[in-house]
């Protein structure tokens, strides 16, 4: 059995699924959510995501978040993976790139795992 390719999401396509205990998760939602959780399963990516999510104003310049113990090209690689999974959006301003957590991502992931609903 082959694993399906991770879904590449645009910021507008961020799933907002009902709690996992409310009904069986449809395959399409499972594939999208698995891609997000897979992207966050790397410690460096999780730290980068956390730095961006907790940064004042809800966005962070790559220049402010690259101190995670890996080289700059590796930081860029991890940020690309987070963007491809639909977790981050980015905007170039001059020579720097600014990142934001994609709209409703954290709430959508939390709602999916809310076992008390």
N, C-alpha and C. Protein backbone atom coordinates (compact mmCIF):
# COMPACT_ATOMS: atom_id res chain seq x y z
N UNK A 1 0.85 -1.18 0.00
CA UNK A 1 0.00 0.00 0.00
C UNK A 1 0.89 1.23 0.00
N UNK A 2 0.73 2.11 -0.96
CA UNK A 2 1.56 3.30 -1.05
C UNK A 2 0.90 4.43 -0.28
N UNK A 3 1.75 5.30 0.27
CA UNK A 3 1.24 6.46 0.99
C UNK A 3 0.88 7.54 -0.01
N UNK A 4 -0.26 8.20 0.17
CA UNK A 4 -0.62 9.28 -0.75
C UNK A 4 0.33 10.45 -0.57
N UNK A 5 0.53 11.19 -1.65
CA UNK A 5 1.36 12.39 -1.57
C UNK A 5 0.70 13.39 -0.63
N UNK A 6 1.49 14.10 0.20
CA UNK A 6 0.90 15.11 1.07
C UNK A 6 0.22 16.19 0.24
N UNK A 7 -0.89 16.65 0.71
CA UNK A 7 -1.62 17.69 0.01
C UNK A 7 -0.91 19.02 0.20
N UNK A 8 -0.75 19.76 -0.87
CA UNK A 8 -0.21 21.11 -0.79
C UNK A 8 -1.41 22.03 -0.74
N UNK A 9 -1.48 22.81 0.32
CA UNK A 9 -2.65 23.64 0.55
C UNK A 9 -2.34 25.10 0.29
N UNK A 10 -3.28 25.80 -0.23
CA UNK A 10 -3.18 27.24 -0.29
C UNK A 10 -3.77 27.77 1.01
N UNK A 11 -3.41 28.98 1.41
CA UNK A 11 -3.96 29.51 2.66
C UNK A 11 -5.48 29.51 2.71
N UNK A 12 -6.14 29.68 1.57
CA UNK A 12 -7.60 29.72 1.55
C UNK A 12 -8.20 28.33 1.75
N UNK A 13 -7.40 27.26 1.55
CA UNK A 13 -7.93 25.90 1.61
C UNK A 13 -7.65 25.22 2.94
N UNK A 14 -7.31 25.99 3.97
CA UNK A 14 -7.03 25.40 5.26
C UNK A 14 -8.29 24.72 5.78
N UNK A 15 -8.21 23.42 6.06
CA UNK A 15 -9.40 22.72 6.51
C UNK A 15 -9.79 23.13 7.93
N UNK A 16 -11.04 23.13 8.17
CA UNK A 16 -11.55 23.34 9.51
C UNK A 16 -12.53 22.20 9.76
N UNK A 17 -11.99 21.15 10.32
CA UNK A 17 -12.73 19.88 10.43
C UNK A 17 -13.47 19.81 11.76
N UNK A 18 -14.56 19.05 11.80
CA UNK A 18 -15.24 18.82 13.07
C UNK A 18 -14.35 17.96 13.97
N UNK A 19 -14.59 17.96 15.26
CA UNK A 19 -13.78 17.14 16.17
C UNK A 19 -13.73 15.69 15.70
N UNK A 20 -12.61 15.08 15.93
CA UNK A 20 -12.38 13.71 15.47
C UNK A 20 -13.34 12.72 16.13
N UNK A 21 -13.91 13.11 17.27
CA UNK A 21 -14.85 12.23 17.96
C UNK A 21 -16.29 12.40 17.48
N UNK A 22 -16.55 13.42 16.65
CA UNK A 22 -17.92 13.68 16.22
C UNK A 22 -18.37 12.77 15.10
N UNK A 23 -17.46 12.34 14.27
CA UNK A 23 -17.78 11.46 13.13
C UNK A 23 -16.47 10.97 12.53
N UNK A 24 -16.58 9.97 11.70
CA UNK A 24 -15.40 9.47 11.01
C UNK A 24 -14.84 10.57 10.11
N UNK A 25 -13.54 10.74 10.15
CA UNK A 25 -12.88 11.77 9.36
C UNK A 25 -12.85 11.35 7.90
N UNK A 26 -13.38 12.17 7.00
CA UNK A 26 -13.34 11.84 5.57
C UNK A 26 -11.89 11.74 5.09
N UNK A 27 -11.64 10.91 4.10
CA UNK A 27 -10.28 10.68 3.61
C UNK A 27 -9.59 11.97 3.19
N UNK A 28 -10.29 12.83 2.48
CA UNK A 28 -9.68 14.08 2.01
C UNK A 28 -9.23 14.95 3.19
N UNK A 29 -10.05 15.06 4.22
CA UNK A 29 -9.66 15.83 5.41
C UNK A 29 -8.50 15.16 6.13
N UNK A 30 -8.51 13.83 6.18
CA UNK A 30 -7.42 13.10 6.84
C UNK A 30 -6.10 13.34 6.13
N UNK A 31 -6.11 13.36 4.82
CA UNK A 31 -4.88 13.59 4.05
C UNK A 31 -4.36 15.01 4.32
N UNK A 32 -5.27 15.99 4.31
CA UNK A 32 -4.84 17.38 4.55
C UNK A 32 -4.32 17.57 5.96
N UNK A 33 -5.04 17.04 6.94
CA UNK A 33 -4.60 17.21 8.32
C UNK A 33 -3.30 16.45 8.59
N UNK A 34 -3.15 15.27 8.00
CA UNK A 34 -1.91 14.51 8.17
C UNK A 34 -0.72 15.28 7.64
N UNK A 35 -0.89 15.98 6.52
CA UNK A 35 0.20 16.79 5.96
C UNK A 35 0.59 17.90 6.93
N UNK A 36 -0.39 18.50 7.58
CA UNK A 36 -0.09 19.55 8.56
C UNK A 36 0.64 18.99 9.77
N UNK A 37 0.10 17.90 10.32
CA UNK A 37 0.75 17.32 11.49
C UNK A 37 2.13 16.77 11.15
N UNK A 38 2.30 16.24 9.95
CA UNK A 38 3.61 15.75 9.53
C UNK A 38 4.61 16.91 9.47
N UNK A 39 4.18 18.04 8.93
CA UNK A 39 5.05 19.21 8.86
C UNK A 39 5.46 19.67 10.25
N UNK A 40 4.56 19.57 11.21
CA UNK A 40 4.87 20.01 12.58
C UNK A 40 5.60 18.95 13.39
N UNK A 41 5.77 17.76 12.85
CA UNK A 41 6.40 16.68 13.63
C UNK A 41 7.91 16.83 13.73
N UNK A 42 8.49 17.76 13.00
CA UNK A 42 9.94 18.03 13.10
C UNK A 42 10.17 19.10 14.16
N UNK A 43 11.09 18.87 15.10
CA UNK A 43 11.31 19.85 16.18
C UNK A 43 11.69 21.25 15.69
N UNK A 44 12.49 21.34 14.64
CA UNK A 44 12.88 22.66 14.12
C UNK A 44 11.66 23.36 13.53
N UNK A 45 10.86 22.63 12.78
CA UNK A 45 9.65 23.24 12.21
C UNK A 45 8.67 23.67 13.29
N UNK A 46 8.52 22.85 14.30
CA UNK A 46 7.63 23.20 15.40
C UNK A 46 8.11 24.47 16.10
N UNK A 47 9.42 24.59 16.31
CA UNK A 47 9.96 25.81 16.93
C UNK A 47 9.73 27.02 16.04
N UNK A 48 9.98 26.88 14.74
CA UNK A 48 9.76 28.00 13.83
C UNK A 48 8.28 28.41 13.83
N UNK A 49 7.39 27.44 13.76
CA UNK A 49 5.95 27.71 13.78
C UNK A 49 5.57 28.44 15.07
N UNK A 50 6.10 27.98 16.19
CA UNK A 50 5.82 28.60 17.48
C UNK A 50 6.35 30.02 17.54
N UNK A 51 7.56 30.24 17.02
CA UNK A 51 8.13 31.59 17.02
C UNK A 51 7.25 32.55 16.21
N UNK A 52 6.76 32.08 15.08
CA UNK A 52 5.92 32.94 14.24
C UNK A 52 4.57 33.18 14.91
N UNK A 53 3.95 32.12 15.40
CA UNK A 53 2.63 32.22 16.03
C UNK A 53 2.65 33.13 17.25
N UNK A 54 3.75 33.14 18.00
CA UNK A 54 3.81 33.91 19.23
C UNK A 54 4.48 35.27 19.05
N UNK A 55 4.91 35.59 17.85
CA UNK A 55 5.59 36.85 17.59
C UNK A 55 4.60 38.01 17.69
N UNK A 56 5.01 39.14 18.27
CA UNK A 56 4.11 40.30 18.35
C UNK A 56 3.56 40.68 16.98
N UNK A 57 2.28 40.91 16.93
CA UNK A 57 1.64 41.28 15.67
C UNK A 57 1.25 40.10 14.81
N UNK A 58 1.60 38.90 15.24
CA UNK A 58 1.20 37.70 14.51
C UNK A 58 1.97 37.41 13.25
N UNK A 59 3.05 38.15 13.01
CA UNK A 59 3.90 37.85 11.87
C UNK A 59 5.35 38.09 12.27
N UNK A 60 6.26 37.42 11.56
CA UNK A 60 7.67 37.54 11.91
C UNK A 60 8.51 37.56 10.64
N UNK A 61 9.53 38.40 10.67
CA UNK A 61 10.52 38.44 9.60
C UNK A 61 11.44 37.24 9.78
N UNK A 62 11.85 36.65 8.68
CA UNK A 62 12.77 35.52 8.76
C UNK A 62 14.03 35.91 9.53
N UNK A 63 14.40 37.17 9.47
CA UNK A 63 15.59 37.64 10.19
C UNK A 63 15.42 37.54 11.70
N UNK A 64 14.17 37.51 12.19
CA UNK A 64 13.90 37.44 13.62
C UNK A 64 13.70 36.02 14.15
N UNK A 65 13.59 35.04 13.27
CA UNK A 65 13.24 33.69 13.73
C UNK A 65 14.26 32.63 13.34
N UNK A 66 15.35 33.01 12.68
CA UNK A 66 16.26 32.00 12.14
C UNK A 66 17.22 31.42 13.16
N UNK A 67 17.16 31.84 14.41
CA UNK A 67 18.07 31.34 15.44
C UNK A 67 17.51 30.09 16.12
N UNK A 68 17.42 29.00 15.36
CA UNK A 68 16.89 27.74 15.91
C UNK A 68 17.93 26.63 15.89
N UNK A 69 19.21 27.00 15.75
CA UNK A 69 20.28 26.01 15.85
C UNK A 69 20.63 25.29 14.57
N UNK A 70 20.12 25.77 13.43
CA UNK A 70 20.46 25.18 12.14
C UNK A 70 20.86 26.31 11.20
N UNK A 71 21.46 25.95 10.07
CA UNK A 71 21.92 26.96 9.11
C UNK A 71 20.74 27.67 8.44
N UNK A 72 21.03 28.82 7.84
CA UNK A 72 19.99 29.59 7.16
C UNK A 72 19.34 28.81 6.03
N UNK A 73 20.11 28.08 5.19
CA UNK A 73 19.43 27.29 4.15
C UNK A 73 18.50 26.23 4.73
N UNK A 74 18.86 25.68 5.87
CA UNK A 74 17.99 24.68 6.51
C UNK A 74 16.73 25.33 7.05
N UNK A 75 16.86 26.52 7.60
CA UNK A 75 15.68 27.27 8.06
C UNK A 75 14.75 27.52 6.87
N UNK A 76 15.30 27.94 5.74
CA UNK A 76 14.49 28.18 4.55
C UNK A 76 13.78 26.91 4.10
N UNK A 77 14.47 25.79 4.15
CA UNK A 77 13.87 24.50 3.78
C UNK A 77 12.68 24.19 4.68
N UNK A 78 12.86 24.36 5.99
CA UNK A 78 11.78 24.05 6.93
C UNK A 78 10.60 25.01 6.77
N UNK A 79 10.87 26.29 6.53
CA UNK A 79 9.79 27.24 6.31
C UNK A 79 9.02 26.89 5.04
N UNK A 80 9.71 26.44 4.02
CA UNK A 80 9.05 26.01 2.78
C UNK A 80 8.12 24.84 3.05
N UNK A 81 8.57 23.88 3.85
CA UNK A 81 7.73 22.72 4.19
C UNK A 81 6.47 23.16 4.94
N UNK A 82 6.62 24.11 5.85
CA UNK A 82 5.46 24.62 6.60
C UNK A 82 4.50 25.35 5.67
N UNK A 83 5.03 26.10 4.70
CA UNK A 83 4.16 26.79 3.72
C UNK A 83 3.44 25.77 2.84
N UNK A 84 4.16 24.75 2.37
CA UNK A 84 3.56 23.74 1.50
C UNK A 84 2.44 22.98 2.20
N UNK A 85 2.57 22.82 3.50
CA UNK A 85 1.54 22.12 4.27
C UNK A 85 0.34 23.02 4.58
N UNK A 86 0.43 24.29 4.21
CA UNK A 86 -0.68 25.21 4.44
C UNK A 86 -0.69 25.84 5.82
N UNK A 87 0.42 25.70 6.54
CA UNK A 87 0.47 26.22 7.91
C UNK A 87 0.89 27.69 7.96
N UNK A 88 1.66 28.14 6.98
CA UNK A 88 2.15 29.51 6.96
C UNK A 88 1.83 30.18 5.64
N UNK A 89 1.73 31.50 5.70
CA UNK A 89 1.72 32.32 4.50
C UNK A 89 2.97 33.19 4.57
N UNK A 90 3.39 33.69 3.43
CA UNK A 90 4.59 34.54 3.43
C UNK A 90 4.41 35.70 2.47
N UNK A 91 5.16 36.76 2.74
CA UNK A 91 5.13 37.95 1.90
C UNK A 91 6.53 38.55 1.87
N UNK A 92 7.06 38.76 0.67
CA UNK A 92 8.37 39.39 0.52
C UNK A 92 8.21 40.90 0.62
N UNK A 93 9.06 41.51 1.45
CA UNK A 93 9.11 42.96 1.59
C UNK A 93 10.56 43.37 1.46
N UNK A 94 10.90 43.88 0.32
CA UNK A 94 12.30 44.22 0.05
C UNK A 94 13.13 42.95 0.00
N UNK A 95 14.15 42.89 0.85
CA UNK A 95 15.01 41.72 0.85
C UNK A 95 14.59 40.66 1.85
N UNK A 96 13.59 40.96 2.70
CA UNK A 96 13.18 40.03 3.73
C UNK A 96 11.83 39.40 3.42
N UNK A 97 11.62 38.22 3.99
CA UNK A 97 10.33 37.54 3.86
C UNK A 97 9.69 37.52 5.24
N UNK A 98 8.41 37.87 5.30
CA UNK A 98 7.65 37.87 6.54
C UNK A 98 6.67 36.71 6.50
N UNK A 99 6.54 36.02 7.63
CA UNK A 99 5.68 34.84 7.72
C UNK A 99 4.57 35.07 8.72
N UNK A 100 3.40 34.49 8.43
CA UNK A 100 2.23 34.49 9.32
C UNK A 100 1.69 33.08 9.38
N UNK A 101 1.09 32.75 10.51
CA UNK A 101 0.35 31.49 10.60
C UNK A 101 -0.88 31.67 9.72
N UNK A 102 -1.15 30.70 8.87
CA UNK A 102 -2.28 30.77 7.95
C UNK A 102 -3.58 30.93 8.74
N UNK A 103 -4.51 31.71 8.22
CA UNK A 103 -5.76 31.96 8.93
C UNK A 103 -6.47 30.67 9.35
N UNK A 104 -6.91 30.62 10.55
CA UNK A 104 -7.70 29.55 11.16
C UNK A 104 -6.98 28.21 11.31
N UNK A 105 -5.67 28.16 11.06
CA UNK A 105 -4.96 26.88 11.16
C UNK A 105 -4.94 26.35 12.59
N UNK A 106 -4.51 27.17 13.52
CA UNK A 106 -4.41 26.71 14.90
C UNK A 106 -5.78 26.33 15.43
N UNK A 107 -6.78 27.16 15.17
CA UNK A 107 -8.14 26.85 15.63
C UNK A 107 -8.66 25.58 14.97
N UNK A 108 -8.39 25.39 13.70
CA UNK A 108 -8.85 24.20 12.99
C UNK A 108 -8.20 22.93 13.52
N UNK A 109 -6.89 22.99 13.80
CA UNK A 109 -6.20 21.82 14.33
C UNK A 109 -6.67 21.52 15.75
N UNK A 110 -6.87 22.56 16.55
CA UNK A 110 -7.35 22.37 17.91
C UNK A 110 -8.76 21.79 17.92
N UNK A 111 -9.62 22.29 17.02
CA UNK A 111 -10.99 21.79 16.95
C UNK A 111 -11.02 20.32 16.55
N UNK A 112 -10.13 19.94 15.65
CA UNK A 112 -10.08 18.54 15.22
C UNK A 112 -9.77 17.62 16.40
N UNK A 113 -8.89 18.06 17.28
CA UNK A 113 -8.45 17.23 18.39
C UNK A 113 -9.24 17.45 19.68
N UNK A 114 -10.24 18.31 19.65
CA UNK A 114 -11.03 18.59 20.84
C UNK A 114 -11.90 17.38 21.17
N UNK A 115 -11.46 16.61 22.14
CA UNK A 115 -12.17 15.39 22.52
C UNK A 115 -13.33 15.65 23.46
N UNK A 116 -13.48 16.86 23.93
CA UNK A 116 -14.54 17.18 24.90
C UNK A 116 -15.78 17.77 24.24
N UNK A 117 -15.85 17.79 22.95
CA UNK A 117 -17.03 18.35 22.27
C UNK A 117 -18.11 17.33 22.16
